[in-house]
N, C-alpha and C. Protein backbone atom coordinates (compact mmCIF):
# COMPACT_ATOMS: atom_id res chain seq x y z
N MET A 1 22.35 -60.66 6.04
CA MET A 1 22.47 -59.98 4.76
C MET A 1 23.30 -58.71 4.95
N ARG A 2 24.24 -58.50 4.05
CA ARG A 2 25.04 -57.26 4.09
C ARG A 2 24.27 -56.15 3.42
N ARG A 3 24.38 -54.98 4.01
CA ARG A 3 23.71 -53.82 3.43
C ARG A 3 24.75 -52.81 3.00
N ALA A 4 24.49 -52.16 1.90
CA ALA A 4 25.39 -51.12 1.39
C ALA A 4 25.16 -49.83 2.15
N VAL A 5 26.21 -49.07 2.32
CA VAL A 5 26.13 -47.76 2.96
C VAL A 5 26.25 -46.70 1.87
N SER A 6 25.33 -45.77 1.88
CA SER A 6 25.39 -44.65 0.94
C SER A 6 26.27 -43.56 1.53
N VAL A 7 27.42 -43.33 0.91
CA VAL A 7 28.32 -42.27 1.37
C VAL A 7 27.62 -40.93 1.26
N SER A 8 26.87 -40.75 0.18
CA SER A 8 26.14 -39.49 -0.01
C SER A 8 25.13 -39.26 1.12
N ALA A 9 24.40 -40.30 1.50
CA ALA A 9 23.43 -40.16 2.59
C ALA A 9 24.13 -39.89 3.92
N GLU A 10 25.27 -40.53 4.14
CA GLU A 10 26.01 -40.30 5.38
C GLU A 10 26.54 -38.87 5.44
N LEU A 11 27.07 -38.37 4.32
CA LEU A 11 27.54 -36.99 4.28
C LEU A 11 26.38 -36.02 4.51
N ALA A 12 25.23 -36.32 3.93
CA ALA A 12 24.05 -35.45 4.12
C ALA A 12 23.62 -35.43 5.58
N THR A 13 23.70 -36.57 6.26
CA THR A 13 23.35 -36.64 7.68
C THR A 13 24.27 -35.75 8.51
N ILE A 14 25.56 -35.82 8.23
CA ILE A 14 26.52 -34.98 8.95
C ILE A 14 26.26 -33.51 8.64
N GLN A 15 25.95 -33.19 7.38
CA GLN A 15 25.64 -31.80 7.02
C GLN A 15 24.43 -31.30 7.80
N ARG A 16 23.39 -32.12 7.92
CA ARG A 16 22.20 -31.71 8.66
C ARG A 16 22.52 -31.48 10.14
N ALA A 17 23.42 -32.29 10.69
CA ALA A 17 23.82 -32.10 12.09
C ALA A 17 24.52 -30.75 12.26
N VAL A 18 25.39 -30.42 11.33
CA VAL A 18 26.09 -29.13 11.38
C VAL A 18 25.08 -27.99 11.24
N GLU A 19 24.13 -28.13 10.32
CA GLU A 19 23.09 -27.10 10.16
C GLU A 19 22.30 -26.94 11.45
N GLY A 20 22.03 -28.05 12.13
CA GLY A 20 21.30 -27.99 13.40
C GLY A 20 22.05 -27.20 14.44
N VAL A 21 23.35 -27.42 14.55
CA VAL A 21 24.16 -26.67 15.52
C VAL A 21 24.17 -25.18 15.14
N LEU A 22 24.31 -24.90 13.86
CA LEU A 22 24.29 -23.49 13.43
C LEU A 22 22.98 -22.81 13.79
N SER A 23 21.87 -23.50 13.57
CA SER A 23 20.58 -22.90 13.89
C SER A 23 20.42 -22.73 15.40
N LEU A 24 20.95 -23.65 16.20
CA LEU A 24 20.90 -23.49 17.65
C LEU A 24 21.69 -22.26 18.08
N LEU A 25 22.85 -22.05 17.47
CA LEU A 25 23.64 -20.87 17.80
C LEU A 25 22.88 -19.60 17.48
N ASP A 26 22.16 -19.60 16.34
CA ASP A 26 21.38 -18.43 15.95
C ASP A 26 20.17 -18.24 16.86
N VAL A 27 19.40 -19.31 17.06
CA VAL A 27 18.14 -19.22 17.80
C VAL A 27 18.36 -18.96 19.28
N GLU A 28 19.28 -19.66 19.87
CA GLU A 28 19.50 -19.55 21.31
C GLU A 28 20.39 -18.37 21.68
N HIS A 29 20.89 -17.65 20.70
CA HIS A 29 21.80 -16.53 20.94
C HIS A 29 22.96 -16.94 21.85
N LEU A 30 23.58 -18.02 21.42
CA LEU A 30 24.80 -18.49 22.07
C LEU A 30 24.57 -18.91 23.51
N VAL A 31 24.17 -20.14 23.62
CA VAL A 31 23.80 -20.76 24.89
C VAL A 31 25.00 -20.96 25.82
N ALA A 32 24.71 -21.23 27.04
CA ALA A 32 25.67 -21.63 28.07
C ALA A 32 26.84 -20.65 28.24
N GLY A 33 26.55 -19.38 28.16
CA GLY A 33 27.57 -18.38 28.44
C GLY A 33 28.61 -18.18 27.36
N LEU A 34 28.37 -18.71 26.19
CA LEU A 34 29.30 -18.52 25.08
C LEU A 34 29.21 -17.05 24.65
N ASP A 35 30.34 -16.34 24.69
CA ASP A 35 30.26 -14.94 24.31
C ASP A 35 30.09 -14.80 22.80
N ALA A 36 29.74 -13.61 22.35
CA ALA A 36 29.41 -13.39 20.95
C ALA A 36 30.58 -13.70 20.02
N GLU A 37 31.79 -13.32 20.41
CA GLU A 37 32.96 -13.58 19.57
C GLU A 37 33.22 -15.07 19.43
N ALA A 38 33.14 -15.79 20.53
CA ALA A 38 33.34 -17.24 20.49
C ALA A 38 32.26 -17.89 19.64
N GLY A 39 31.05 -17.39 19.76
CA GLY A 39 29.94 -17.93 18.96
C GLY A 39 30.17 -17.73 17.47
N ARG A 40 30.69 -16.57 17.09
CA ARG A 40 30.98 -16.32 15.68
C ARG A 40 32.08 -17.24 15.18
N ARG A 41 33.05 -17.52 16.02
CA ARG A 41 34.14 -18.43 15.63
C ARG A 41 33.61 -19.85 15.43
N VAL A 42 32.79 -20.30 16.36
CA VAL A 42 32.19 -21.63 16.24
C VAL A 42 31.36 -21.71 14.97
N ALA A 43 30.54 -20.69 14.72
CA ALA A 43 29.71 -20.68 13.52
C ALA A 43 30.57 -20.70 12.26
N ALA A 44 31.68 -19.96 12.25
CA ALA A 44 32.55 -19.93 11.07
C ALA A 44 33.15 -21.31 10.79
N VAL A 45 33.58 -21.99 11.83
CA VAL A 45 34.14 -23.33 11.64
C VAL A 45 33.06 -24.30 11.14
N LEU A 46 31.86 -24.20 11.70
CA LEU A 46 30.77 -25.08 11.26
C LEU A 46 30.40 -24.82 9.80
N VAL A 47 30.43 -23.58 9.37
CA VAL A 47 30.15 -23.27 7.97
C VAL A 47 31.21 -23.89 7.07
N LEU A 48 32.46 -23.81 7.48
CA LEU A 48 33.54 -24.43 6.72
C LEU A 48 33.33 -25.94 6.62
N VAL A 49 33.00 -26.59 7.75
CA VAL A 49 32.75 -28.03 7.76
C VAL A 49 31.59 -28.36 6.83
N TRP A 50 30.50 -27.61 6.92
CA TRP A 50 29.33 -27.86 6.09
C TRP A 50 29.69 -27.75 4.61
N CYS A 51 30.42 -26.73 4.23
CA CYS A 51 30.79 -26.53 2.83
C CYS A 51 31.70 -27.66 2.33
N ARG A 52 32.66 -28.08 3.13
CA ARG A 52 33.55 -29.17 2.72
C ARG A 52 32.77 -30.48 2.56
N LEU A 53 31.83 -30.75 3.47
CA LEU A 53 31.00 -31.95 3.35
C LEU A 53 30.15 -31.89 2.09
N ARG A 54 29.56 -30.74 1.82
CA ARG A 54 28.74 -30.58 0.62
C ARG A 54 29.58 -30.82 -0.63
N ASP A 55 30.76 -30.23 -0.67
CA ASP A 55 31.62 -30.37 -1.84
C ASP A 55 32.13 -31.79 -2.00
N LEU A 56 32.47 -32.44 -0.88
CA LEU A 56 32.91 -33.83 -0.94
C LEU A 56 31.78 -34.71 -1.48
N ASP A 57 30.58 -34.49 -1.02
CA ASP A 57 29.42 -35.23 -1.52
C ASP A 57 29.27 -35.04 -3.02
N ARG A 58 29.40 -33.82 -3.48
CA ARG A 58 29.30 -33.54 -4.92
C ARG A 58 30.41 -34.23 -5.70
N GLY A 59 31.60 -34.28 -5.12
CA GLY A 59 32.71 -34.97 -5.79
C GLY A 59 32.48 -36.47 -5.85
N VAL A 60 31.98 -37.05 -4.75
CA VAL A 60 31.70 -38.49 -4.70
C VAL A 60 30.65 -38.86 -5.74
N ARG A 61 29.64 -38.03 -5.91
CA ARG A 61 28.55 -38.32 -6.85
C ARG A 61 28.86 -37.91 -8.28
N GLY A 62 30.03 -37.30 -8.52
CA GLY A 62 30.40 -36.93 -9.88
C GLY A 62 29.76 -35.65 -10.38
N ILE A 63 29.26 -34.83 -9.48
CA ILE A 63 28.64 -33.56 -9.87
C ILE A 63 29.70 -32.50 -10.12
N VAL A 64 30.76 -32.53 -9.32
CA VAL A 64 31.89 -31.62 -9.54
C VAL A 64 33.16 -32.46 -9.69
N ASP A 65 34.13 -31.91 -10.38
CA ASP A 65 35.40 -32.58 -10.56
C ASP A 65 36.15 -32.61 -9.23
N PRO A 66 36.50 -33.79 -8.72
CA PRO A 66 37.24 -33.85 -7.46
C PRO A 66 38.54 -33.05 -7.48
N ALA A 67 39.05 -32.74 -8.65
CA ALA A 67 40.26 -31.92 -8.73
C ALA A 67 40.04 -30.56 -8.07
N LEU A 68 38.79 -30.08 -8.06
CA LEU A 68 38.48 -28.79 -7.42
C LEU A 68 38.59 -28.87 -5.90
N LEU A 69 38.53 -30.07 -5.36
CA LEU A 69 38.60 -30.26 -3.91
C LEU A 69 40.03 -30.45 -3.42
N TRP A 70 40.97 -30.67 -4.35
CA TRP A 70 42.33 -31.00 -3.95
C TRP A 70 42.98 -29.85 -3.20
N ALA A 71 43.67 -30.20 -2.14
CA ALA A 71 44.48 -29.25 -1.37
C ALA A 71 45.63 -30.04 -0.76
N GLU A 72 46.63 -29.36 -0.31
CA GLU A 72 47.80 -30.01 0.28
C GLU A 72 47.40 -30.96 1.41
N HIS A 73 46.42 -30.55 2.24
CA HIS A 73 46.06 -31.36 3.41
C HIS A 73 45.31 -32.64 3.07
N ASN A 74 44.75 -32.75 1.86
CA ASN A 74 44.00 -33.96 1.52
C ASN A 74 44.62 -34.73 0.35
N ALA A 75 45.85 -34.41 0.02
CA ALA A 75 46.54 -35.10 -1.07
C ALA A 75 46.72 -36.58 -0.72
N ALA A 76 46.39 -37.44 -1.68
CA ALA A 76 46.55 -38.88 -1.48
C ALA A 76 48.03 -39.23 -1.46
N LEU A 77 48.41 -40.03 -0.51
CA LEU A 77 49.79 -40.48 -0.39
C LEU A 77 49.90 -41.92 -0.85
N GLU A 78 51.10 -42.31 -1.21
CA GLU A 78 51.32 -43.71 -1.57
C GLU A 78 51.05 -44.56 -0.34
N PRO A 79 50.28 -45.64 -0.49
CA PRO A 79 50.01 -46.50 0.68
C PRO A 79 51.29 -47.15 1.20
N GLN A 80 51.38 -47.24 2.49
CA GLN A 80 52.52 -47.85 3.16
C GLN A 80 52.08 -49.19 3.76
N PRO A 81 53.02 -50.11 3.95
CA PRO A 81 52.65 -51.39 4.56
C PRO A 81 51.93 -51.17 5.89
N GLY A 82 50.81 -51.84 6.06
CA GLY A 82 50.03 -51.73 7.29
C GLY A 82 48.97 -50.65 7.26
N ASP A 83 48.97 -49.79 6.23
CA ASP A 83 47.93 -48.76 6.12
C ASP A 83 46.58 -49.40 5.80
N GLU A 84 45.54 -48.79 6.31
CA GLU A 84 44.19 -49.22 5.94
C GLU A 84 43.88 -48.65 4.56
N PRO A 85 43.04 -49.34 3.79
CA PRO A 85 42.72 -48.83 2.45
C PRO A 85 42.01 -47.48 2.52
N ASP A 86 42.24 -46.68 1.51
CA ASP A 86 41.65 -45.35 1.43
C ASP A 86 40.73 -45.31 0.21
N VAL A 87 39.72 -44.46 0.26
CA VAL A 87 38.86 -44.21 -0.89
C VAL A 87 39.42 -42.97 -1.58
N LEU A 88 39.77 -43.10 -2.85
CA LEU A 88 40.38 -41.99 -3.58
C LEU A 88 39.40 -41.44 -4.61
N LEU A 89 39.30 -40.14 -4.65
CA LEU A 89 38.53 -39.46 -5.69
C LEU A 89 39.51 -38.94 -6.72
N LYS A 90 39.42 -39.46 -7.92
CA LYS A 90 40.35 -39.07 -8.96
C LYS A 90 39.71 -38.00 -9.83
N PRO A 91 40.53 -37.12 -10.41
CA PRO A 91 40.00 -36.08 -11.28
C PRO A 91 39.21 -36.68 -12.44
N MET A 92 38.19 -35.95 -12.87
CA MET A 92 37.41 -36.39 -14.02
C MET A 92 38.26 -36.26 -15.27
N LYS A 93 38.01 -37.14 -16.22
CA LYS A 93 38.73 -37.04 -17.50
C LYS A 93 38.11 -35.91 -18.31
N ARG A 94 38.96 -35.15 -18.93
CA ARG A 94 38.48 -34.01 -19.73
C ARG A 94 38.47 -34.35 -21.18
């Protein structure tokens, strides 16, 4: 039997993993010799990842307009021969 995958649940799992790393950085006070500046940089990147995952999840579920997520780096391109299919989030109709 084929089972469906919930994109929202998968995004939430990744978000929880990022939250776990952030809490480890806070609780352990930067383990394994990571200096404070490096720790702040790691935490900043993880916060960015967490926010993008949260926003993508909201766009997938129709809570926010995917147009708010658009940026040059994630612009959909015309498919080329041999490309794997992509999942596209289109702007909500106004």
